[in-house]
């Protein structure tokens, strides 16, 4: 069986359209530059075993790519899994941030106590902590002096 390099190149171009750009496609194939795709996209070379495995991991059927048999791939399973992972990771990050903000709000509603100040120091930026410390010390000084008598 003779494999037509030009037809393989056409099918590879068709598969590559499923990605945002050739640069992204090359990156996902672990190539340093999109120019490394050139021999395969022009039909000068056939993909080797390693490249076929990487293409398969992105959802391209090697049988379809090399012979045209079988149906062309739909949405790459790799991309679907990546989207699921990214959305789950983003959901977790949002939940963590909401919890952190809720805890800060709760701390602000309570009177400042030494244990709460320690928790605030862990959660807030250092410049903001200086402001809190200064306000707390001024409040403490004014309560120690007591009300001014006339």
N, C-alpha and C. Protein backbone atom coordinates (compact mmCIF):
# COMPACT_ATOMS: atom_id res chain seq x y z
N UNK A 1 0.84 -1.18 0.00
CA UNK A 1 0.00 0.00 0.00
C UNK A 1 0.89 1.24 0.00
N UNK A 2 0.65 2.11 -0.94
CA UNK A 2 1.42 3.34 -1.09
C UNK A 2 0.62 4.47 -0.41
N UNK A 3 1.31 5.23 0.43
CA UNK A 3 0.65 6.34 1.13
C UNK A 3 0.96 7.63 0.38
N UNK A 4 -0.09 8.35 0.02
CA UNK A 4 0.05 9.61 -0.70
C UNK A 4 0.33 10.73 0.30
N UNK A 5 1.55 11.28 0.26
CA UNK A 5 1.97 12.32 1.20
C UNK A 5 1.10 13.57 1.11
N UNK A 6 0.68 13.91 -0.11
CA UNK A 6 -0.15 15.12 -0.29
C UNK A 6 -1.52 14.96 0.38
N UNK A 7 -2.10 13.76 0.28
CA UNK A 7 -3.40 13.51 0.93
C UNK A 7 -3.27 13.51 2.45
N UNK A 8 -2.16 12.96 2.93
CA UNK A 8 -1.91 12.99 4.38
C UNK A 8 -1.78 14.44 4.83
N UNK A 9 -1.09 15.25 4.05
CA UNK A 9 -0.94 16.68 4.38
C UNK A 9 -2.29 17.37 4.42
N UNK A 10 -3.16 17.07 3.46
CA UNK A 10 -4.51 17.68 3.43
C UNK A 10 -5.31 17.29 4.66
N UNK A 11 -5.24 16.02 5.05
CA UNK A 11 -5.98 15.57 6.24
C UNK A 11 -5.39 16.19 7.51
N UNK A 12 -4.06 16.34 7.55
CA UNK A 12 -3.42 16.97 8.71
C UNK A 12 -3.85 18.43 8.81
N UNK A 13 -3.94 19.12 7.68
CA UNK A 13 -4.42 20.51 7.69
C UNK A 13 -5.87 20.58 8.17
N UNK A 14 -6.67 19.62 7.73
CA UNK A 14 -8.07 19.58 8.16
C UNK A 14 -8.16 19.39 9.68
N UNK A 15 -7.34 18.50 10.20
CA UNK A 15 -7.33 18.27 11.65
C UNK A 15 -6.83 19.51 12.39
N UNK A 16 -5.81 20.17 11.85
CA UNK A 16 -5.21 21.34 12.51
C UNK A 16 -6.19 22.49 12.64
N UNK A 17 -7.21 22.55 11.79
CA UNK A 17 -8.21 23.62 11.85
C UNK A 17 -9.00 23.60 13.14
N UNK A 18 -8.97 22.50 13.85
CA UNK A 18 -9.73 22.38 15.11
C UNK A 18 -9.07 23.16 16.26
N UNK A 19 -7.89 23.67 16.03
CA UNK A 19 -7.14 24.40 17.05
C UNK A 19 -7.14 25.88 16.72
N UNK A 20 -6.89 26.70 17.72
CA UNK A 20 -6.93 28.15 17.54
C UNK A 20 -5.91 28.64 16.51
N UNK A 21 -4.75 28.02 16.52
CA UNK A 21 -3.69 28.46 15.60
C UNK A 21 -2.71 27.32 15.37
N UNK A 22 -1.88 27.49 14.35
CA UNK A 22 -0.83 26.48 14.12
C UNK A 22 0.19 26.48 15.25
N UNK A 23 0.39 27.65 15.84
CA UNK A 23 1.33 27.74 16.97
C UNK A 23 0.83 26.88 18.14
N UNK A 24 -0.46 26.98 18.43
CA UNK A 24 -1.02 26.16 19.51
C UNK A 24 -0.95 24.68 19.15
N UNK A 25 -1.28 24.35 17.90
CA UNK A 25 -1.23 22.97 17.43
C UNK A 25 0.19 22.42 17.59
N UNK A 26 1.18 23.18 17.16
CA UNK A 26 2.58 22.75 17.28
C UNK A 26 2.98 22.59 18.74
N UNK A 27 2.55 23.52 19.58
CA UNK A 27 2.89 23.44 21.01
C UNK A 27 2.31 22.17 21.63
N UNK A 28 1.06 21.85 21.29
CA UNK A 28 0.43 20.64 21.82
C UNK A 28 1.09 19.37 21.29
N UNK A 29 1.72 19.48 20.14
CA UNK A 29 2.47 18.34 19.57
C UNK A 29 3.90 18.31 20.08
N UNK A 30 4.21 19.19 21.04
CA UNK A 30 5.53 19.28 21.67
C UNK A 30 6.61 19.68 20.67
N UNK A 31 6.23 20.55 19.74
CA UNK A 31 7.19 21.11 18.79
C UNK A 31 7.58 22.51 19.26
N UNK A 32 8.81 22.89 19.03
CA UNK A 32 9.28 24.20 19.49
C UNK A 32 8.68 25.34 18.69
N UNK A 33 8.51 25.12 17.40
CA UNK A 33 7.97 26.18 16.53
C UNK A 33 6.96 25.58 15.55
N UNK A 34 6.04 26.41 15.05
CA UNK A 34 5.10 25.93 14.04
C UNK A 34 5.80 25.54 12.73
N UNK A 35 6.98 26.07 12.49
CA UNK A 35 7.71 25.75 11.27
C UNK A 35 8.08 24.26 11.21
N UNK A 36 8.15 23.63 12.36
CA UNK A 36 8.47 22.20 12.39
C UNK A 36 7.33 21.36 11.79
N UNK A 37 6.15 21.95 11.67
CA UNK A 37 5.02 21.27 11.05
C UNK A 37 5.10 21.32 9.52
N UNK A 38 5.87 22.25 8.99
CA UNK A 38 5.91 22.53 7.56
C UNK A 38 6.10 21.28 6.67
N UNK A 39 7.06 20.42 6.95
CA UNK A 39 7.25 19.26 6.07
C UNK A 39 6.01 18.35 6.00
N UNK A 40 5.28 18.28 7.09
CA UNK A 40 4.09 17.42 7.14
C UNK A 40 2.88 18.11 6.49
N UNK A 41 2.80 19.43 6.66
CA UNK A 41 1.66 20.18 6.12
C UNK A 41 1.78 20.38 4.60
N UNK A 42 2.99 20.29 4.07
CA UNK A 42 3.19 20.47 2.63
C UNK A 42 3.28 19.15 1.87
N UNK A 43 3.35 18.05 2.61
CA UNK A 43 3.42 16.74 1.96
C UNK A 43 4.82 16.30 1.60
N UNK A 44 5.82 16.94 2.17
CA UNK A 44 7.20 16.55 1.90
C UNK A 44 7.62 15.34 2.74
N UNK A 45 6.99 15.22 3.92
CA UNK A 45 7.31 14.11 4.83
C UNK A 45 6.04 13.52 5.40
N UNK A 46 6.15 12.27 5.84
CA UNK A 46 5.05 11.61 6.54
C UNK A 46 5.33 11.63 8.04
N UNK A 47 4.31 11.77 8.86
CA UNK A 47 4.54 11.74 10.31
C UNK A 47 5.11 10.39 10.73
N UNK A 48 6.08 10.45 11.63
CA UNK A 48 6.66 9.22 12.18
C UNK A 48 5.82 8.72 13.35
N UNK A 49 6.30 7.65 13.96
CA UNK A 49 5.57 7.01 15.04
C UNK A 49 5.27 7.97 16.19
N UNK A 50 6.30 8.69 16.67
CA UNK A 50 6.12 9.59 17.81
C UNK A 50 5.09 10.68 17.51
N UNK A 51 5.15 11.25 16.32
CA UNK A 51 4.20 12.29 15.95
C UNK A 51 2.79 11.71 15.83
N UNK A 52 2.67 10.50 15.30
CA UNK A 52 1.36 9.85 15.22
C UNK A 52 0.77 9.61 16.61
N UNK A 53 1.61 9.24 17.55
CA UNK A 53 1.14 9.03 18.93
C UNK A 53 0.65 10.35 19.52
N UNK A 54 1.41 11.42 19.31
CA UNK A 54 1.00 12.74 19.82
C UNK A 54 -0.31 13.20 19.16
N UNK A 55 -0.42 12.97 17.85
CA UNK A 55 -1.66 13.32 17.16
C UNK A 55 -2.83 12.50 17.71
N UNK A 56 -2.59 11.24 17.99
CA UNK A 56 -3.64 10.39 18.56
C UNK A 56 -4.08 10.93 19.92
N UNK A 57 -3.12 11.38 20.72
CA UNK A 57 -3.45 11.94 22.03
C UNK A 57 -4.30 13.21 21.93
N UNK A 58 -4.20 13.88 20.79
CA UNK A 58 -5.02 15.08 20.56
C UNK A 58 -6.37 14.74 19.93
N UNK A 59 -6.59 13.45 19.63
CA UNK A 59 -7.87 13.03 19.10
C UNK A 59 -7.89 12.71 17.62
N UNK A 60 -6.74 12.68 16.98
CA UNK A 60 -6.67 12.37 15.55
C UNK A 60 -6.48 10.85 15.37
N UNK A 61 -7.33 10.24 14.56
CA UNK A 61 -7.22 8.81 14.28
C UNK A 61 -6.09 8.60 13.27
N UNK A 62 -5.01 7.90 13.68
CA UNK A 62 -3.88 7.69 12.77
C UNK A 62 -4.29 6.96 11.48
N UNK A 63 -5.24 6.04 11.59
CA UNK A 63 -5.72 5.31 10.41
C UNK A 63 -6.36 6.28 9.41
N UNK A 64 -7.19 7.18 9.92
CA UNK A 64 -7.81 8.18 9.06
C UNK A 64 -6.74 9.10 8.45
N UNK A 65 -5.79 9.53 9.27
CA UNK A 65 -4.76 10.45 8.79
C UNK A 65 -3.93 9.84 7.67
N UNK A 66 -3.51 8.60 7.84
CA UNK A 66 -2.59 7.99 6.88
C UNK A 66 -3.30 7.39 5.65
N UNK A 67 -4.55 6.92 5.82
CA UNK A 67 -5.19 6.24 4.70
C UNK A 67 -6.48 6.89 4.23
N UNK A 68 -7.05 7.74 5.06
CA UNK A 68 -8.33 8.33 4.71
C UNK A 68 -9.50 7.44 5.11
N UNK A 69 -9.21 6.24 5.59
CA UNK A 69 -10.26 5.34 6.04
C UNK A 69 -10.70 5.74 7.44
N UNK A 70 -11.90 5.37 7.77
CA UNK A 70 -12.54 5.76 9.03
C UNK A 70 -12.97 7.21 8.92
N UNK A 71 -13.74 7.65 9.85
CA UNK A 71 -14.25 9.02 9.76
C UNK A 71 -13.27 10.01 10.37
N UNK A 72 -13.29 11.24 9.91
CA UNK A 72 -12.40 12.25 10.49
C UNK A 72 -12.79 12.52 11.93
N UNK A 73 -11.84 12.92 12.74
CA UNK A 73 -12.12 13.16 14.16
C UNK A 73 -13.04 14.36 14.34
N UNK A 74 -13.86 14.27 15.38
CA UNK A 74 -14.71 15.42 15.71
C UNK A 74 -13.94 16.32 16.67
N UNK A 75 -14.48 16.59 17.82
CA UNK A 75 -13.77 17.42 18.80
C UNK A 75 -12.72 16.55 19.47
N UNK A 76 -11.48 17.01 19.52
CA UNK A 76 -10.44 16.21 20.15
C UNK A 76 -10.75 15.92 21.62
N UNK A 77 -10.64 14.66 21.99
CA UNK A 77 -10.92 14.28 23.38
C UNK A 77 -9.94 14.97 24.33
N UNK A 78 -8.71 15.18 23.88
CA UNK A 78 -7.73 15.87 24.69
C UNK A 78 -8.22 17.26 25.08
N UNK A 79 -8.78 17.97 24.12
CA UNK A 79 -9.25 19.33 24.37
C UNK A 79 -10.45 19.32 25.30
N UNK A 80 -11.33 18.34 25.15
CA UNK A 80 -12.48 18.25 26.05
C UNK A 80 -12.01 18.04 27.48
N UNK A 81 -11.06 17.13 27.67
CA UNK A 81 -10.54 16.87 29.01
C UNK A 81 -9.85 18.11 29.57
N UNK A 82 -9.12 18.81 28.71
CA UNK A 82 -8.43 20.01 29.15
C UNK A 82 -9.43 21.08 29.61
N UNK A 83 -10.52 21.24 28.85
CA UNK A 83 -11.55 22.21 29.22
C UNK A 83 -12.20 21.83 30.55
N UNK A 84 -12.48 20.53 30.74
CA UNK A 84 -13.06 20.08 32.00
C UNK A 84 -12.12 20.37 33.16
N UNK A 85 -10.83 20.06 32.97
CA UNK A 85 -9.83 20.30 34.01
C UNK A 85 -9.74 21.79 34.34
N UNK A 86 -9.65 22.63 33.28
CA UNK A 86 -9.53 24.07 33.50
C UNK A 86 -10.75 24.63 34.21
N UNK A 87 -11.95 24.20 33.82
CA UNK A 87 -13.16 24.74 34.45
C UNK A 87 -13.26 24.28 35.90
N UNK A 88 -12.87 23.04 36.19
CA UNK A 88 -12.90 22.55 37.58
C UNK A 88 -11.87 23.30 38.42
N UNK A 89 -10.69 23.51 37.87
CA UNK A 89 -9.65 24.25 38.58
C UNK A 89 -10.10 25.68 38.86
N UNK A 90 -10.72 26.32 37.87
CA UNK A 90 -11.21 27.68 38.05
C UNK A 90 -12.31 27.73 39.12
N UNK A 91 -13.21 26.74 39.11
CA UNK A 91 -14.28 26.68 40.10
C UNK A 91 -13.68 26.58 41.51
N UNK A 92 -12.66 25.73 41.68
CA UNK A 92 -12.01 25.59 42.98
C UNK A 92 -11.34 26.89 43.41
N UNK A 93 -10.67 27.57 42.48
CA UNK A 93 -10.01 28.82 42.81
C UNK A 93 -11.02 29.89 43.23
N UNK A 94 -12.16 29.94 42.53
CA UNK A 94 -13.20 30.90 42.88
C UNK A 94 -13.76 30.59 44.27
N UNK A 95 -14.02 29.30 44.54
CA UNK A 95 -14.53 28.92 45.86
C UNK A 95 -13.55 29.30 46.96
N UNK A 96 -12.26 29.05 46.74
CA UNK A 96 -11.24 29.40 47.74
C UNK A 96 -11.21 30.91 47.97
N UNK A 97 -11.30 31.68 46.90
CA UNK A 97 -11.28 33.14 47.03
C UNK A 97 -12.53 33.65 47.76
N UNK A 98 -13.69 33.06 47.45
CA UNK A 98 -14.92 33.45 48.14
C UNK A 98 -14.81 33.13 49.63
N UNK A 99 -14.27 31.95 49.96
CA UNK A 99 -14.09 31.58 51.36
C UNK A 99 -13.14 32.55 52.06
N UNK A 100 -12.07 32.91 51.36
CA UNK A 100 -11.08 33.84 51.95
C UNK A 100 -11.72 35.20 52.21
N UNK A 101 -12.47 35.71 51.25
CA UNK A 101 -13.13 37.01 51.42
C UNK A 101 -14.18 36.94 52.52
N UNK A 102 -14.94 35.84 52.58
CA UNK A 102 -15.95 35.68 53.63
C UNK A 102 -15.29 35.69 55.01
N UNK A 103 -14.14 35.06 55.12
CA UNK A 103 -13.44 35.02 56.40
C UNK A 103 -12.95 36.43 56.78
N UNK A 104 -12.46 37.16 55.80
CA UNK A 104 -12.00 38.53 56.07
C UNK A 104 -13.17 39.38 56.54
N UNK A 105 -14.32 39.27 55.86
CA UNK A 105 -15.50 40.04 56.25
C UNK A 105 -15.93 39.67 57.67
N UNK A 106 -15.90 38.38 57.98
CA UNK A 106 -16.27 37.93 59.32
C UNK A 106 -15.31 38.51 60.37
N UNK A 107 -14.03 38.54 60.04
CA UNK A 107 -13.05 39.09 60.98
C UNK A 107 -13.27 40.58 61.20
N UNK A 108 -13.66 41.29 60.14
CA UNK A 108 -13.88 42.71 60.27
C UNK A 108 -15.11 43.01 61.13
N UNK A 109 -16.09 42.12 61.15
CA UNK A 109 -17.30 42.35 61.94
C UNK A 109 -17.06 42.12 63.43
N UNK A 110 -16.09 41.29 63.76
CA UNK A 110 -15.78 41.01 65.16
C UNK A 110 -14.79 42.04 65.69
N UNK A 111 -14.84 42.29 66.99
CA UNK A 111 -13.82 43.20 67.56
C UNK A 111 -12.44 42.58 67.35
N UNK A 112 -11.46 43.43 67.12
CA UNK A 112 -10.12 42.92 66.85
C UNK A 112 -9.52 42.40 68.15
N UNK A 113 -9.13 41.15 68.11
CA UNK A 113 -8.49 40.48 69.23
C UNK A 113 -7.13 40.01 68.74
N UNK A 114 -6.20 39.74 69.62
CA UNK A 114 -4.87 39.30 69.18
C UNK A 114 -4.89 38.08 68.25
N UNK A 115 -5.75 37.12 68.53
CA UNK A 115 -5.79 35.93 67.67
C UNK A 115 -6.31 36.29 66.28
N UNK A 116 -7.26 37.20 66.21
CA UNK A 116 -7.80 37.60 64.93
C UNK A 116 -6.78 38.41 64.13
N UNK A 117 -6.01 39.20 64.84
CA UNK A 117 -4.97 39.99 64.17
C UNK A 117 -3.96 39.05 63.50
N UNK A 118 -3.62 37.95 64.17
CA UNK A 118 -2.70 36.98 63.58
C UNK A 118 -3.28 36.40 62.28
N UNK A 119 -4.57 36.08 62.31
CA UNK A 119 -5.20 35.54 61.11
C UNK A 119 -5.23 36.58 59.99
N UNK A 120 -5.48 37.82 60.35
CA UNK A 120 -5.49 38.87 59.33
C UNK A 120 -4.12 39.03 58.70
N UNK A 121 -3.09 38.95 59.51
CA UNK A 121 -1.73 39.08 58.97
C UNK A 121 -1.44 38.01 57.92
N UNK A 122 -1.99 36.82 58.10
CA UNK A 122 -1.75 35.74 57.15
C UNK A 122 -2.51 35.96 55.86
N UNK A 123 -3.62 36.66 55.91
CA UNK A 123 -4.49 36.78 54.74
C UNK A 123 -4.31 38.08 53.95
N UNK A 124 -3.90 39.14 54.61
CA UNK A 124 -3.85 40.43 53.93
C UNK A 124 -2.43 40.82 53.57
N UNK A 125 -2.31 41.77 52.70
CA UNK A 125 -1.00 42.24 52.27
C UNK A 125 -0.33 43.02 53.40
N UNK A 126 0.99 43.00 53.45
CA UNK A 126 1.71 43.66 54.54
C UNK A 126 1.40 45.16 54.68
N UNK A 127 1.25 45.87 53.60
CA UNK A 127 0.98 47.31 53.71
C UNK A 127 -0.37 47.57 54.34
N UNK A 128 -1.32 46.69 54.12
CA UNK A 128 -2.65 46.85 54.70
C UNK A 128 -2.62 46.54 56.20
N UNK A 129 -1.79 45.60 56.58
CA UNK A 129 -1.66 45.24 57.99
C UNK A 129 -1.10 46.42 58.79
N UNK A 130 -0.17 47.16 58.20
CA UNK A 130 0.39 48.33 58.90
C UNK A 130 -0.72 49.32 59.23
N UNK A 131 -1.66 49.52 58.32
CA UNK A 131 -2.77 50.43 58.56
C UNK A 131 -3.62 49.93 59.72
N UNK A 132 -3.92 48.64 59.73
CA UNK A 132 -4.74 48.06 60.80
C UNK A 132 -4.03 48.20 62.15
N UNK A 133 -2.74 47.89 62.17
CA UNK A 133 -1.98 47.96 63.42
C UNK A 133 -1.97 49.39 63.96
N UNK A 134 -1.77 50.35 63.07
CA UNK A 134 -1.74 51.75 63.48
C UNK A 134 -3.08 52.18 64.05
N UNK A 135 -4.17 51.84 63.37
CA UNK A 135 -5.50 52.19 63.87
C UNK A 135 -5.80 51.51 65.19
N UNK A 136 -5.40 50.26 65.33
CA UNK A 136 -5.64 49.52 66.57
C UNK A 136 -4.86 50.14 67.73
N UNK A 137 -3.61 50.52 67.49
CA UNK A 137 -2.79 51.14 68.55
C UNK A 137 -3.35 52.49 68.96
N UNK A 138 -3.80 53.28 68.00
CA UNK A 138 -4.39 54.58 68.33
C UNK A 138 -5.66 54.41 69.16
N UNK A 139 -6.47 53.42 68.78
CA UNK A 139 -7.70 53.16 69.54
C UNK A 139 -7.38 52.72 70.95
N UNK A 140 -6.36 51.87 71.11
CA UNK A 140 -5.97 51.39 72.42
C UNK A 140 -5.42 52.52 73.28
N UNK A 141 -4.63 53.41 72.69
CA UNK A 141 -4.08 54.55 73.44
C UNK A 141 -5.20 55.46 73.92
N UNK A 142 -6.19 55.69 73.06
CA UNK A 142 -7.27 56.59 73.45
C UNK A 142 -8.13 55.97 74.55
N UNK A 143 -8.29 54.67 74.59
CA UNK A 143 -9.09 54.04 75.65
C UNK A 143 -8.30 53.96 76.94
N UNK A 144 -6.96 53.88 76.89
CA UNK A 144 -6.15 53.85 78.12
C UNK A 144 -6.15 55.21 78.80
N UNK A 145 -6.13 56.28 78.01
CA UNK A 145 -6.11 57.62 78.59
C UNK A 145 -7.44 57.94 79.25
N UNK A 146 -8.51 57.35 78.75
CA UNK A 146 -9.84 57.63 79.29
C UNK A 146 -10.38 58.91 78.70
N UNK A 147 -11.63 59.21 79.04
CA UNK A 147 -12.24 60.44 78.51
C UNK A 147 -11.54 61.66 79.09
N UNK A 148 -11.41 62.68 78.29
CA UNK A 148 -10.78 63.91 78.75
C UNK A 148 -11.76 64.66 79.66
N UNK A 149 -11.26 65.14 80.77
CA UNK A 149 -12.13 65.91 81.68
C UNK A 149 -11.97 67.39 81.39
N UNK A 150 -13.06 68.11 81.61
CA UNK A 150 -13.03 69.55 81.34
C UNK A 150 -12.84 70.33 82.57
